PDB file of N, CA and C in Angstrom:
ATOM      1  N   UNK A   1     105.261  99.227  94.391  1.00  0.00           N
ATOM      2  CA  UNK A   1     106.171  98.819  93.283  1.00  0.00           C
ATOM      3  C   UNK A   1     107.559  98.615  93.742  1.00  0.00           C
ATOM      4  N   UNK A   2     108.194  97.836  93.141  1.00  0.00           N
ATOM      5  CA  UNK A   2     109.618  97.446  93.427  1.00  0.00           C
ATOM      6  C   UNK A   2     110.376  97.648  92.103  1.00  0.00           C
ATOM      7  N   UNK A   3     111.491  98.347  92.186  1.00  0.00           N
ATOM      8  CA  UNK A   3     112.382  98.379  91.033  1.00  0.00           C
ATOM      9  C   UNK A   3     113.688  97.530  91.246  1.00  0.00           C
ATOM     10  N   UNK A   4     114.025  96.656  90.409  1.00  0.00           N
ATOM     11  CA  UNK A   4     115.324  95.832  90.419  1.00  0.00           C
ATOM     12  C   UNK A   4     116.201  96.152  89.385  1.00  0.00           C
ATOM     13  N   UNK A   5     117.452  96.398  89.702  1.00  0.00           N
ATOM     14  CA  UNK A   5     118.551  96.711  88.577  1.00  0.00           C
ATOM     15  C   UNK A   5     119.728  95.698  88.887  1.00  0.00           C
ATOM     16  N   UNK A   6     119.951  94.951  87.883  1.00  0.00           N
ATOM     17  CA  UNK A   6     121.133  94.117  88.057  1.00  0.00           C
ATOM     18  C   UNK A   6     122.374  94.769  87.348  1.00  0.00           C
ATOM     19  N   UNK A   7     123.483  94.189  87.875  1.00  0.00           N
ATOM     20  CA  UNK A   7     124.766  94.754  87.334  1.00  0.00           C
ATOM     21  C   UNK A   7     125.701  93.588  87.701  1.00  0.00           C
ATOM     22  N   UNK A   8     126.920  93.678  87.001  1.00  0.00           N
ATOM     23  CA  UNK A   8     128.027  92.646  87.233  1.00  0.00           C
ATOM     24  C   UNK A   8     128.256  91.773  86.155  1.00  0.00           C
ATOM     25  N   UNK A   9     127.296  91.633  85.138  1.00  0.00           N
ATOM     26  CA  UNK A   9     127.569  90.722  84.076  1.00  0.00           C
ATOM     27  C   UNK A   9     128.782  91.149  83.190  1.00  0.00           C
ATOM     28  N   UNK A  10     129.187  90.178  82.363  1.00  0.00           N
ATOM     29  CA  UNK A  10     130.301  90.367  81.508  1.00  0.00           C
ATOM     30  C   UNK A  10     130.835  89.266  80.840  1.00  0.00           C
ATOM     31  N   UNK A  11     131.881  89.388  80.135  1.00  0.00           N
ATOM     32  CA  UNK A  11     132.570  88.292  79.513  1.00  0.00           C
ATOM     33  C   UNK A  11     133.748  87.746  80.334  1.00  0.00           C
ATOM     34  N   UNK A  12     133.740  86.357  80.437  1.00  0.00           N
ATOM     35  CA  UNK A  12     134.789  85.828  81.440  1.00  0.00           C
ATOM     36  C   UNK A  12     135.061  84.457  80.725  1.00  0.00           C
ATOM     37  N   UNK A  13     136.323  84.045  80.973  1.00  0.00           N
ATOM     38  CA  UNK A  13     136.749  82.729  80.489  1.00  0.00           C
ATOM     39  C   UNK A  13     136.220  81.644  81.322  1.00  0.00           C
ATOM     40  N   UNK A  14     136.120  80.507  80.788  1.00  0.00           N
ATOM     41  CA  UNK A  14     135.933  79.133  81.467  1.00  0.00           C
ATOM     42  C   UNK A  14     136.730  79.118  82.758  1.00  0.00           C
ATOM     43  N   UNK A  15     136.064  78.760  83.822  1.00  0.00           N
ATOM     44  CA  UNK A  15     136.691  78.669  85.032  1.00  0.00           C
ATOM     45  C   UNK A  15     136.856  79.958  85.843  1.00  0.00           C
ATOM     46  N   UNK A  16     136.505  81.086  85.254  1.00  0.00           N
ATOM     47  CA  UNK A  16     136.468  82.301  85.963  1.00  0.00           C
ATOM     48  C   UNK A  16     135.276  82.707  86.812  1.00  0.00           C
ATOM     49  N   UNK A  17     135.314  83.917  87.477  1.00  0.00           N
ATOM     50  CA  UNK A  17     134.191  84.203  88.369  1.00  0.00           C
ATOM     51  C   UNK A  17     133.570  85.483  87.990  1.00  0.00           C
ATOM     52  N   UNK A  18     132.387  85.705  88.424  1.00  0.00           N
ATOM     53  CA  UNK A  18     131.730  87.035  88.318  1.00  0.00           C
ATOM     54  C   UNK A  18     130.699  87.101  89.551  1.00  0.00           C
ATOM     55  N   UNK A  19     130.573  88.386  89.876  1.00  0.00           N
ATOM     56  CA  UNK A  19     129.561  88.662  90.964  1.00  0.00           C
ATOM     57  C   UNK A  19     128.500  89.474  90.510  1.00  0.00           C
ATOM     58  N   UNK A  20     127.348  89.075  90.460  1.00  0.00           N
ATOM     59  CA  UNK A  20     126.195  89.784  89.997  1.00  0.00           C
ATOM     60  C   UNK A  20     125.538  90.524  91.315  1.00  0.00           C
ATOM     61  N   UNK A  21     125.042  91.711  91.041  1.00  0.00           N
ATOM     62  CA  UNK A  21     124.277  92.401  92.159  1.00  0.00           C
ATOM     63  C   UNK A  21     123.034  92.871  91.520  1.00  0.00           C
ATOM     64  N   UNK A  22     122.055  92.919  92.479  1.00  0.00           N
ATOM     65  CA  UNK A  22     120.610  93.357  92.122  1.00  0.00           C
ATOM     66  C   UNK A  22     120.165  94.439  93.232  1.00  0.00           C
ATOM     67  N   UNK A  23     120.102  95.628  92.789  1.00  0.00           N
ATOM     68  CA  UNK A  23     119.687  96.665  93.770  1.00  0.00           C
ATOM     69  C   UNK A  23     118.206  96.838  93.759  1.00  0.00           C
ATOM     70  N   UNK A  24     117.650  96.692  94.818  1.00  0.00           N
ATOM     71  CA  UNK A  24     116.157  96.927  94.865  1.00  0.00           C
ATOM     72  C   UNK A  24     115.790  98.308  95.534  1.00  0.00           C
ATOM     73  N   UNK A  25     114.776  98.868  94.965  1.00  0.00           N
ATOM     74  CA  UNK A  25     114.350 100.174  95.557  1.00  0.00           C
ATOM     75  C   UNK A  25     112.740 100.206  95.329  1.00  0.00           C
ATOM     76  N   UNK A  26     112.265 101.147  96.085  1.00  0.00           N
ATOM     77  CA  UNK A  26     110.697 101.352  96.029  1.00  0.00           C
ATOM     78  C   UNK A  26     110.261 100.617  97.333  1.00  0.00           C
ATOM     79  N   UNK A  27     109.113  99.994  97.143  1.00  0.00           N
ATOM     80  CA  UNK A  27     108.564  99.218  98.407  1.00  0.00           C
ATOM     81  C   UNK A  27     109.157  97.999  98.621  1.00  0.00           C
ATOM     82  N   UNK A  28     110.260  97.928  99.246  1.00  0.00           N
ATOM     83  CA  UNK A  28     111.003  96.781  99.556  1.00  0.00           C
ATOM     84  C   UNK A  28     110.799  96.268 100.904  1.00  0.00           C
ATOM     85  N   UNK A  29     110.062  96.964 101.944  1.00  0.00           N
ATOM     86  CA  UNK A  29     109.756  96.618 103.117  1.00  0.00           C
ATOM     87  C   UNK A  29     108.933  95.423 103.093  1.00  0.00           C
ATOM     88  N   UNK A  30     109.364  94.304 103.832  1.00  0.00           N
ATOM     89  CA  UNK A  30     108.589  93.119 103.852  1.00  0.00           C
ATOM     90  C   UNK A  30     108.766  92.185 102.807  1.00  0.00           C
ATOM     91  N   UNK A  31     109.844  92.343 102.033  1.00  0.00           N
ATOM     92  CA  UNK A  31     110.306  91.400 101.009  1.00  0.00           C
ATOM     93  C   UNK A  31     110.224  90.010 101.397  1.00  0.00           C
ATOM     94  N   UNK A  32     109.483  89.086 100.741  1.00  0.00           N
ATOM     95  CA  UNK A  32     109.526  87.665 101.167  1.00  0.00           C
ATOM     96  C   UNK A  32     110.593  86.866 100.698  1.00  0.00           C
ATOM     97  N   UNK A  33     110.876  87.022  99.369  1.00  0.00           N
ATOM     98  CA  UNK A  33     111.906  86.190  98.663  1.00  0.00           C
ATOM     99  C   UNK A  33     112.457  86.869  97.552  1.00  0.00           C
ATOM    100  N   UNK A  34     113.698  86.489  97.229  1.00  0.00           N
ATOM    101  CA  UNK A  34     114.282  87.033  95.984  1.00  0.00           C
ATOM    102  C   UNK A  34     115.118  85.959  95.358  1.00  0.00           C
ATOM    103  N   UNK A  35     115.373  86.067  94.014  1.00  0.00           N
ATOM    104  CA  UNK A  35     116.010  85.093  93.320  1.00  0.00           C
ATOM    105  C   UNK A  35     116.594  85.464  92.076  1.00  0.00           C
ATOM    106  N   UNK A  36     117.356  84.532  91.489  1.00  0.00           N
ATOM    107  CA  UNK A  36     118.060  84.787  90.250  1.00  0.00           C
ATOM    108  C   UNK A  36     117.502  83.656  89.246  1.00  0.00           C
ATOM    109  N   UNK A  37     117.251  84.104  88.031  1.00  0.00           N
ATOM    110  CA  UNK A  37     116.766  83.179  87.021  1.00  0.00           C
ATOM    111  C   UNK A  37     117.752  83.586  85.738  1.00  0.00           C
ATOM    112  N   UNK A  38     117.844  82.688  84.795  1.00  0.00           N
ATOM    113  CA  UNK A  38     118.591  82.947  83.699  1.00  0.00           C
ATOM    114  C   UNK A  38     117.958  82.466  82.440  1.00  0.00           C
ATOM    115  N   UNK A  39     118.281  83.060  81.205  1.00  0.00           N
ATOM    116  CA  UNK A  39     117.737  82.670  79.941  1.00  0.00           C
ATOM    117  C   UNK A  39     118.689  82.679  78.946  1.00  0.00           C
ATOM    118  N   UNK A  40     119.050  81.520  78.408  1.00  0.00           N
ATOM    119  CA  UNK A  40     120.142  81.375  77.295  1.00  0.00           C
ATOM    120  C   UNK A  40     119.282  81.676  75.944  1.00  0.00           C
ATOM    121  N   UNK A  41     120.094  81.968  74.820  1.00  0.00           N
ATOM    122  CA  UNK A  41     119.481  82.157  73.535  1.00  0.00           C
ATOM    123  C   UNK A  41     118.747  80.940  73.173  1.00  0.00           C
ATOM    124  N   UNK A  42     117.396  81.064  72.785  1.00  0.00           N
ATOM    125  CA  UNK A  42     116.680  79.904  72.226  1.00  0.00           C
ATOM    126  C   UNK A  42     116.191  78.945  73.451  1.00  0.00           C
ATOM    127  N   UNK A  43     116.255  79.338  74.569  1.00  0.00           N
ATOM    128  CA  UNK A  43     115.948  78.401  75.654  1.00  0.00           C
ATOM    129  C   UNK A  43     114.977  79.152  76.627  1.00  0.00           C
ATOM    130  N   UNK A  44     114.259  78.254  77.429  1.00  0.00           N
ATOM    131  CA  UNK A  44     113.321  78.807  78.353  1.00  0.00           C
ATOM    132  C   UNK A  44     114.048  79.645  79.555  1.00  0.00           C
ATOM    133  N   UNK A  45     113.421  80.462  80.247  1.00  0.00           N
ATOM    134  CA  UNK A  45     113.981  80.899  81.392  1.00  0.00           C
ATOM    135  C   UNK A  45     114.057  79.925  82.488  1.00  0.00           C
ATOM    136  N   UNK A  46     115.193  79.846  83.220  1.00  0.00           N
ATOM    137  CA  UNK A  46     115.301  78.879  84.286  1.00  0.00           C
ATOM    138  C   UNK A  46     115.794  79.259  85.617  1.00  0.00           C
ATOM    139  N   UNK A  47     115.235  78.628  86.604  1.00  0.00           N
ATOM    140  CA  UNK A  47     115.647  79.054  88.031  1.00  0.00           C
ATOM    141  C   UNK A  47     117.178  78.814  88.154  1.00  0.00           C
ATOM    142  N   UNK A  48     117.770  79.792  88.935  1.00  0.00           N
ATOM    143  CA  UNK A  48     119.208  79.469  89.277  1.00  0.00           C
ATOM    144  C   UNK A  48     119.355  79.418  90.777  1.00  0.00           C
ATOM    145  N   UNK A  49     118.898  80.386  91.616  1.00  0.00           N
ATOM    146  CA  UNK A  49     119.119  80.395  93.009  1.00  0.00           C
ATOM    147  C   UNK A  49     117.998  81.360  93.603  1.00  0.00           C
ATOM    148  N   UNK A  50     117.708  81.125  94.854  1.00  0.00           N
ATOM    149  CA  UNK A  50     116.711  81.996  95.559  1.00  0.00           C
ATOM    150  C   UNK A  50     117.056  81.955  97.021  1.00  0.00           C
ATOM    151  N   UNK A  51     116.567  83.069  97.707  1.00  0.00           N
ATOM    152  CA  UNK A  51     116.669  83.096  99.172  1.00  0.00           C
ATOM    153  C   UNK A  51     115.471  83.511  99.852  1.00  0.00           C
ATOM    154  N   UNK A  52     114.922  83.058 100.932  1.00  0.00           N
ATOM    155  CA  UNK A  52     113.842  83.483 101.487  1.00  0.00           C
ATOM    156  C   UNK A  52     114.360  84.514 102.471  1.00  0.00           C
ATOM    157  N   UNK A  53     113.680  85.621 102.605  1.00  0.00           N
ATOM    158  CA  UNK A  53     114.221  86.806 103.464  1.00  0.00           C
ATOM    159  C   UNK A  53     114.127  86.533 104.901  1.00  0.00           C
ATOM    160  N   UNK A  54     113.064  85.945 105.409  1.00  0.00           N
ATOM    161  CA  UNK A  54     112.908  85.932 106.842  1.00  0.00           C
ATOM    162  C   UNK A  54     113.781  84.992 107.485  1.00  0.00           C
ATOM    163  N   UNK A  55     114.224  83.914 106.869  1.00  0.00           N
ATOM    164  CA  UNK A  55     115.121  82.961 107.575  1.00  0.00           C
ATOM    165  C   UNK A  55     116.392  82.650 106.879  1.00  0.00           C
ATOM    166  N   UNK A  56     116.648  83.281 105.711  1.00  0.00           N
ATOM    167  CA  UNK A  56     117.885  83.102 105.044  1.00  0.00           C
ATOM    168  C   UNK A  56     118.001  81.855 104.208  1.00  0.00           C
ATOM    169  N   UNK A  57     116.888  81.022 104.239  1.00  0.00           N
ATOM    170  CA  UNK A  57     117.170  79.685 103.433  1.00  0.00           C
ATOM    171  C   UNK A  57     117.360  80.017 102.054  1.00  0.00           C
ATOM    172  N   UNK A  58     118.299  79.154 101.515  1.00  0.00           N
ATOM    173  CA  UNK A  58     118.714  79.248 100.105  1.00  0.00           C
ATOM    174  C   UNK A  58     118.436  78.117  99.321  1.00  0.00           C
ATOM    175  N   UNK A  59     118.145  78.208  97.997  1.00  0.00           N
ATOM    176  CA  UNK A  59     117.867  77.209  97.177  1.00  0.00           C
ATOM    177  C   UNK A  59     118.639  77.384  95.846  1.00  0.00           C
ATOM    178  N   UNK A  60     119.112  76.288  95.343  1.00  0.00           N
ATOM    179  CA  UNK A  60     119.838  76.348  94.144  1.00  0.00           C
ATOM    180  C   UNK A  60     119.379  75.268  93.046  1.00  0.00           C
ATOM    181  N   UNK A  61     119.674  75.588  91.812  1.00  0.00           N
ATOM    182  CA  UNK A  61     119.482  74.655  90.778  1.00  0.00           C
ATOM    183  C   UNK A  61     120.544  73.704  90.870  1.00  0.00           C
ATOM    184  N   UNK A  62     120.390  72.373  90.656  1.00  0.00           N
ATOM    185  CA  UNK A  62     121.473  71.379  90.755  1.00  0.00           C
ATOM    186  C   UNK A  62     122.703  71.698  90.037  1.00  0.00           C
ATOM    187  N   UNK A  63     122.664  72.370  88.992  1.00  0.00           N
ATOM    188  CA  UNK A  63     123.895  72.432  88.038  1.00  0.00           C
ATOM    189  C   UNK A  63     124.690  73.518  88.557  1.00  0.00           C
ATOM    190  N   UNK A  64     124.305  74.404  89.446  1.00  0.00           N
ATOM    191  CA  UNK A  64     124.987  75.438  89.998  1.00  0.00           C
ATOM    192  C   UNK A  64     125.641  75.164  91.535  1.00  0.00           C
ATOM    193  N   UNK A  65     124.997  74.268  92.054  1.00  0.00           N
ATOM    194  CA  UNK A  65     125.298  73.921  93.437  1.00  0.00           C
ATOM    195  C   UNK A  65     126.767  73.760  93.630  1.00  0.00           C
ATOM    196  N   UNK A  66     127.454  74.397  94.596  1.00  0.00           N
ATOM    197  CA  UNK A  66     128.879  74.275  94.754  1.00  0.00           C
ATOM    198  C   UNK A  66     129.654  75.183  94.010  1.00  0.00           C
ATOM    199  N   UNK A  67     128.987  75.899  92.979  1.00  0.00           N
ATOM    200  CA  UNK A  67     129.766  76.959  92.210  1.00  0.00           C
ATOM    201  C   UNK A  67     129.177  78.346  92.400  1.00  0.00           C
ATOM    202  N   UNK A  68     127.870  78.467  92.763  1.00  0.00           N
ATOM    203  CA  UNK A  68     127.242  79.724  92.793  1.00  0.00           C
ATOM    204  C   UNK A  68     126.800  79.957  94.302  1.00  0.00           C
ATOM    205  N   UNK A  69     126.859  81.175  94.777  1.00  0.00           N
ATOM    206  CA  UNK A  69     126.407  81.467  96.034  1.00  0.00           C
ATOM    207  C   UNK A  69     125.381  82.684  96.060  1.00  0.00           C
ATOM    208  N   UNK A  70     124.318  82.467  96.544  1.00  0.00           N
ATOM    209  CA  UNK A  70     123.372  83.704  96.711  1.00  0.00           C
ATOM    210  C   UNK A  70     123.427  84.286  98.027  1.00  0.00           C
ATOM    211  N   UNK A  71     123.396  85.536  98.082  1.00  0.00           N
ATOM    212  CA  UNK A  71     123.483  86.271  99.315  1.00  0.00           C
ATOM    213  C   UNK A  71     122.788  87.615  99.328  1.00  0.00           C
ATOM    214  N   UNK A  72     122.779  88.348 100.387  1.00  0.00           N
ATOM    215  CA  UNK A  72     121.902  89.598 100.546  1.00  0.00           C
ATOM    216  C   UNK A  72     122.624  90.593 101.508  1.00  0.00           C
ATOM    217  N   UNK A  73     122.338  91.696 101.321  1.00  0.00           N
ATOM    218  CA  UNK A  73     122.767  92.806 102.297  1.00  0.00           C
ATOM    219  C   UNK A  73     121.445  93.502 102.583  1.00  0.00           C
ATOM    220  N   UNK A  74     120.855  93.185 103.684  1.00  0.00           N
ATOM    221  CA  UNK A  74     119.607  93.707 103.999  1.00  0.00           C
ATOM    222  C   UNK A  74     119.652  95.317 104.168  1.00  0.00           C
ATOM    223  N   UNK A  75     120.662  95.716 104.677  1.00  0.00           N
ATOM    224  CA  UNK A  75     120.760  97.218 105.014  1.00  0.00           C
ATOM    225  C   UNK A  75     120.671  97.905 103.633  1.00  0.00           C
ATOM    226  N   UNK A  76     121.292  97.439 102.499  1.00  0.00           N
ATOM    227  CA  UNK A  76     121.291  97.992 101.163  1.00  0.00           C
ATOM    228  C   UNK A  76     120.406  97.609 100.234  1.00  0.00           C
ATOM    229  N   UNK A  77     119.491  96.605 100.810  1.00  0.00           N
ATOM    230  CA  UNK A  77     118.474  96.030  99.809  1.00  0.00           C
ATOM    231  C   UNK A  77     119.005  95.528  98.505  1.00  0.00           C
ATOM    232  N   UNK A  78     120.055  94.800  98.701  1.00  0.00           N
ATOM    233  CA  UNK A  78     120.877  94.251  97.538  1.00  0.00           C
ATOM    234  C   UNK A  78     121.059  92.770  97.653  1.00  0.00           C
ATOM    235  N   UNK A  79     120.762  92.143  96.461  1.00  0.00           N
ATOM    236  CA  UNK A  79     121.012  90.734  96.248  1.00  0.00           C
ATOM    237  C   UNK A  79     122.137  90.434  95.558  1.00  0.00           C
ATOM    238  N   UNK A  80     122.995  89.383  95.861  1.00  0.00           N
ATOM    239  CA  UNK A  80     124.121  89.098  95.112  1.00  0.00           C
ATOM    240  C   UNK A  80     124.131  87.717  94.569  1.00  0.00           C
ATOM    241  N   UNK A  81     124.822  87.417  93.454  1.00  0.00           N
ATOM    242  CA  UNK A  81     125.111  85.965  93.066  1.00  0.00           C
ATOM    243  C   UNK A  81     126.478  85.888  92.816  1.00  0.00           C
ATOM    244  N   UNK A  82     127.275  85.162  93.614  1.00  0.00           N
ATOM    245  CA  UNK A  82     128.670  84.905  93.256  1.00  0.00           C
ATOM    246  C   UNK A  82     128.801  83.677  92.461  1.00  0.00           C
ATOM    247  N   UNK A  83     129.459  83.824  91.334  1.00  0.00           N
ATOM    248  CA  UNK A  83     129.450  82.710  90.306  1.00  0.00           C
ATOM    249  C   UNK A  83     131.016  82.330  90.132  1.00  0.00           C
ATOM    250  N   UNK A  84     131.220  81.182  90.615  1.00  0.00           N
ATOM    251  CA  UNK A  84     132.588  80.650  90.525  1.00  0.00           C
ATOM    252  C   UNK A  84     132.702  79.367  89.446  1.00  0.00           C
ATOM    253  N   UNK A  85     133.803  79.119  89.070  1.00  0.00           N
ATOM    254  CA  UNK A  85     134.014  78.056  88.173  1.00  0.00           C
ATOM    255  C   UNK A  85     133.067  78.051  86.914  1.00  0.00           C
ATOM    256  N   UNK A  86     132.894  79.142  86.412  1.00  0.00           N
ATOM    257  CA  UNK A  86     131.922  79.344  85.265  1.00  0.00           C
ATOM    258  C   UNK A  86     132.244  78.346  84.118  1.00  0.00           C
ATOM    259  N   UNK A  87     131.218  78.061  83.376  1.00  0.00           N
ATOM    260  CA  UNK A  87     131.298  77.125  82.364  1.00  0.00           C
ATOM    261  C   UNK A  87     130.574  77.830  81.139  1.00  0.00           C
ATOM    262  N   UNK A  88     130.797  77.375  79.900  1.00  0.00           N
ATOM    263  CA  UNK A  88     130.112  78.006  78.733  1.00  0.00           C
ATOM    264  C   UNK A  88     128.599  77.845  78.847  1.00  0.00           C
ATOM    265  N   UNK A  89     128.197  76.908  79.405  1.00  0.00           N
ATOM    266  CA  UNK A  89     126.731  76.537  79.603  1.00  0.00           C
ATOM    267  C   UNK A  89     126.175  77.508  80.563  1.00  0.00           C
ATOM    268  N   UNK A  90     126.872  78.305  81.313  1.00  0.00           N
ATOM    269  CA  UNK A  90     126.350  79.284  82.186  1.00  0.00           C
ATOM    270  C   UNK A  90     126.014  80.624  81.479  1.00  0.00           C
ATOM    271  N   UNK A  91     126.268  80.684  80.190  1.00  0.00           N
ATOM    272  CA  UNK A  91     126.071  81.835  79.382  1.00  0.00           C
ATOM    273  C   UNK A  91     124.682  81.983  79.176  1.00  0.00           C
ATOM    274  N   UNK A  92     124.220  83.364  79.562  1.00  0.00           N
ATOM    275  CA  UNK A  92     122.700  83.703  79.570  1.00  0.00           C
ATOM    276  C   UNK A  92     122.621  84.941  80.003  1.00  0.00           C
ATOM    277  N   UNK A  93     121.407  85.405  79.744  1.00  0.00           N
ATOM    278  CA  UNK A  93     121.023  86.680  80.562  1.00  0.00           C
ATOM    279  C   UNK A  93     120.362  86.354  81.710  1.00  0.00           C
ATOM    280  N   UNK A  94     121.019  86.980  83.028  1.00  0.00           N
ATOM    281  CA  UNK A  94     120.551  86.687  84.279  1.00  0.00           C
ATOM    282  C   UNK A  94     119.672  87.831  84.808  1.00  0.00           C
ATOM    283  N   UNK A  95     118.565  87.348  85.476  1.00  0.00           N
ATOM    284  CA  UNK A  95     117.491  88.157  85.848  1.00  0.00           C
ATOM    285  C   UNK A  95     117.135  88.125  87.378  1.00  0.00           C
ATOM    286  N   UNK A  96     117.174  89.202  88.088  1.00  0.00           N
ATOM    287  CA  UNK A  96     116.842  89.294  89.455  1.00  0.00           C
ATOM    288  C   UNK A  96     115.304  89.230  89.615  1.00  0.00           C
ATOM    289  N   UNK A  97     114.749  88.665  90.594  1.00  0.00           N
ATOM    290  CA  UNK A  97     113.300  88.691  90.752  1.00  0.00           C
ATOM    291  C   UNK A  97     113.031  88.763  92.275  1.00  0.00           C
ATOM    292  N   UNK A  98     111.775  89.388  92.640  1.00  0.00           N
ATOM    293  CA  UNK A  98     111.516  89.602  94.040  1.00  0.00           C
ATOM    294  C   UNK A  98     110.018  89.201  94.231  1.00  0.00           C
ATOM    295  N   UNK A  99     109.666  88.757  95.349  1.00  0.00           N
ATOM    296  CA  UNK A  99     108.282  88.498  95.818  1.00  0.00           C
ATOM    297  C   UNK A  99     108.078  89.256  97.127  1.00  0.00           C
ATOM    298  N   UNK A 100     106.881  90.021  97.278  1.00  0.00           N
ATOM    299  CA  UNK A 100     106.667  90.621  98.515  1.00  0.00           C
ATOM    300  C   UNK A 100     105.916  89.707  99.509  1.00  0.00           C
ATOM    301  N   UNK A 101     105.206  88.733  98.925  1.00  0.00           N
ATOM    302  CA  UNK A 101     104.273  88.068  99.722  1.00  0.00           C
ATOM    303  C   UNK A 101     104.607  86.544  99.731  1.00  0.00           C
ATOM    304  N   UNK A 102     104.148  85.764 100.707  1.00  0.00           N
ATOM    305  CA  UNK A 102     104.184  84.291 100.830  1.00  0.00           C
ATOM    306  C   UNK A 102     103.385  83.861  99.663  1.00  0.00           C
ATOM    307  N   UNK A 103     103.802  82.697  99.194  1.00  0.00           N
ATOM    308  CA  UNK A 103     102.964  82.131  98.176  1.00  0.00           C
ATOM    309  C   UNK A 103     103.112  80.590  98.209  1.00  0.00           C
ATOM    310  N   UNK A 104     102.148  79.903  97.424  1.00  0.00           N
ATOM    311  CA  UNK A 104     102.162  78.560  97.447  1.00  0.00           C
ATOM    312  C   UNK A 104     103.146  78.022  96.360  1.00  0.00           C
ATOM    313  N   UNK A 105     103.480  78.926  95.560  1.00  0.00           N
ATOM    314  CA  UNK A 105     104.361  78.537  94.458  1.00  0.00           C
ATOM    315  C   UNK A 105     105.807  78.378  94.953  1.00  0.00           C
ATOM    316  N   UNK A 106     106.514  77.292  94.582  1.00  0.00           N
ATOM    317  CA  UNK A 106     107.735  77.153  95.060  1.00  0.00           C
ATOM    318  C   UNK A 106     108.780  78.166  94.887  1.00  0.00           C
ATOM    319  N   UNK A 107     109.837  78.110  95.621  1.00  0.00           N
ATOM    320  CA  UNK A 107     110.864  79.171  95.503  1.00  0.00           C
ATOM    321  C   UNK A 107     111.403  79.132  94.041  1.00  0.00           C
ATOM    322  N   UNK A 108     111.351  77.921  93.433  1.00  0.00           N
ATOM    323  CA  UNK A 108     112.175  77.742  92.121  1.00  0.00           C
ATOM    324  C   UNK A 108     111.238  78.147  91.012  1.00  0.00           C
ATOM    325  N   UNK A 109     110.011  78.568  91.275  1.00  0.00           N
ATOM    326  CA  UNK A 109     109.060  78.802  90.073  1.00  0.00           C
ATOM    327  C   UNK A 109     109.016  80.377  89.948  1.00  0.00           C
ATOM    328  N   UNK A 110     109.242  80.727  88.539  1.00  0.00           N
ATOM    329  CA  UNK A 110     109.148  82.083  88.167  1.00  0.00           C
ATOM    330  C   UNK A 110     107.914  82.640  88.544  1.00  0.00           C
ATOM    331  N   UNK A 111     106.741  81.852  88.559  1.00  0.00           N
ATOM    332  CA  UNK A 111     105.459  82.379  89.029  1.00  0.00           C
ATOM    333  C   UNK A 111     105.266  83.013  90.366  1.00  0.00           C
ATOM    334  N   UNK A 112     106.156  82.593  91.180  1.00  0.00           N
ATOM    335  CA  UNK A 112     106.228  83.096  92.683  1.00  0.00           C
ATOM    336  C   UNK A 112     106.556  84.630  92.680  1.00  0.00           C
ATOM    337  N   UNK A 113     107.335  85.233  91.718  1.00  0.00           N
ATOM    338  CA  UNK A 113     107.964  86.406  91.895  1.00  0.00           C
ATOM    339  C   UNK A 113     107.101  87.509  90.986  1.00  0.00           C
ATOM    340  N   UNK A 114     107.001  88.649  91.660  1.00  0.00           N
ATOM    341  CA  UNK A 114     106.156  89.680  91.045  1.00  0.00           C
ATOM    342  C   UNK A 114     106.856  90.720  90.304  1.00  0.00           C
ATOM    343  N   UNK A 115     108.020  90.884  90.748  1.00  0.00           N
ATOM    344  CA  UNK A 115     108.868  91.901  90.122  1.00  0.00           C
ATOM    345  C   UNK A 115     110.166  91.395  89.553  1.00  0.00           C
ATOM    346  N   UNK A 116     110.616  91.943  88.388  1.00  0.00           N
ATOM    347  CA  UNK A 116     111.785  91.512  87.677  1.00  0.00           C
ATOM    348  C   UNK A 116     112.629  92.614  87.228  1.00  0.00           C
ATOM    349  N   UNK A 117     113.900  92.516  87.219  1.00  0.00           N
ATOM    350  CA  UNK A 117     114.825  93.393  86.561  1.00  0.00           C
ATOM    351  C   UNK A 117     114.886  93.198  85.182  1.00  0.00           C
ATOM    352  N   UNK A 118     115.657  93.908  84.415  1.00  0.00           N
ATOM    353  CA  UNK A 118     115.862  93.855  82.919  1.00  0.00           C
ATOM    354  C   UNK A 118     116.905  92.838  82.529  1.00  0.00           C
ATOM    355  N   UNK A 119     117.680  92.389  83.397  1.00  0.00           N
ATOM    356  CA  UNK A 119     118.779  91.446  83.150  1.00  0.00           C
ATOM    357  C   UNK A 119     120.082  91.904  82.997  1.00  0.00           C
ATOM    358  N   UNK A 120     121.064  91.127  83.158  1.00  0.00           N
ATOM    359  CA  UNK A 120     122.470  91.432  82.846  1.00  0.00           C
ATOM    360  C   UNK A 120     123.159  90.216  82.204  1.00  0.00           C
ATOM    361  N   UNK A 121     123.936  90.495  81.146  1.00  0.00           N
ATOM    362  CA  UNK A 121     124.355  89.410  80.270  1.00  0.00           C
ATOM    363  C   UNK A 121     125.562  88.846  80.816  1.00  0.00           C
ATOM    364  N   UNK A 122     125.739  87.498  80.841  1.00  0.00           N
ATOM    365  CA  UNK A 122     126.877  86.967  81.286  1.00  0.00           C
ATOM    366  C   UNK A 122     127.326  85.873  80.093  1.00  0.00           C
ATOM    367  N   UNK A 123     128.598  86.056  79.651  1.00  0.00           N
ATOM    368  CA  UNK A 123     129.027  85.192  78.640  1.00  0.00           C
ATOM    369  C   UNK A 123     130.277  84.552  79.019  1.00  0.00           C
ATOM    370  N   UNK A 124     130.422  83.186  78.825  1.00  0.00           N
ATOM    371  CA  UNK A 124     131.609  82.482  79.322  1.00  0.00           C
ATOM    372  C   UNK A 124     132.143  81.806  78.142  1.00  0.00           C
ATOM    373  N   UNK A 125     133.396  82.218  77.821  1.00  0.00           N
ATOM    374  CA  UNK A 125     134.066  81.698  76.541  1.00  0.00           C
ATOM    375  C   UNK A 125     134.797  80.577  76.890  1.00  0.00           C
ATOM    376  N   UNK A 126     134.951  79.507  75.977  1.00  0.00           N
ATOM    377  CA  UNK A 126     135.493  78.333  76.093  1.00  0.00           C
ATOM    378  C   UNK A 126     137.013  78.323  75.587  1.00  0.00           C
TER     379      UNK A 126
END
């Protein structure tokens, strides 16, 4: 089992920045990939960013490219999401997800990930 705990959410004005963290514990050895998803009120959960552990390859949703950066600290089993130039449409609950095994599901698919955090709320005021 893997436990994921997100932190760093909050209220920020348009154009501001936040840094989300996701601390992983439990059976983290051999993590395959980790990602961030978000869900706005009344909308479906959507992919934001992901990173493949073995080679560090990163993936982003088009709307966040150039503004968000996903990174990791292997020693601390922690995933980060640096969010800059935030917009009101970035308002959502942000969820961390992890996969221990390789999968045919793409990195952008929620179905790839076996473990999920409870989320952290991000609100961007206009």
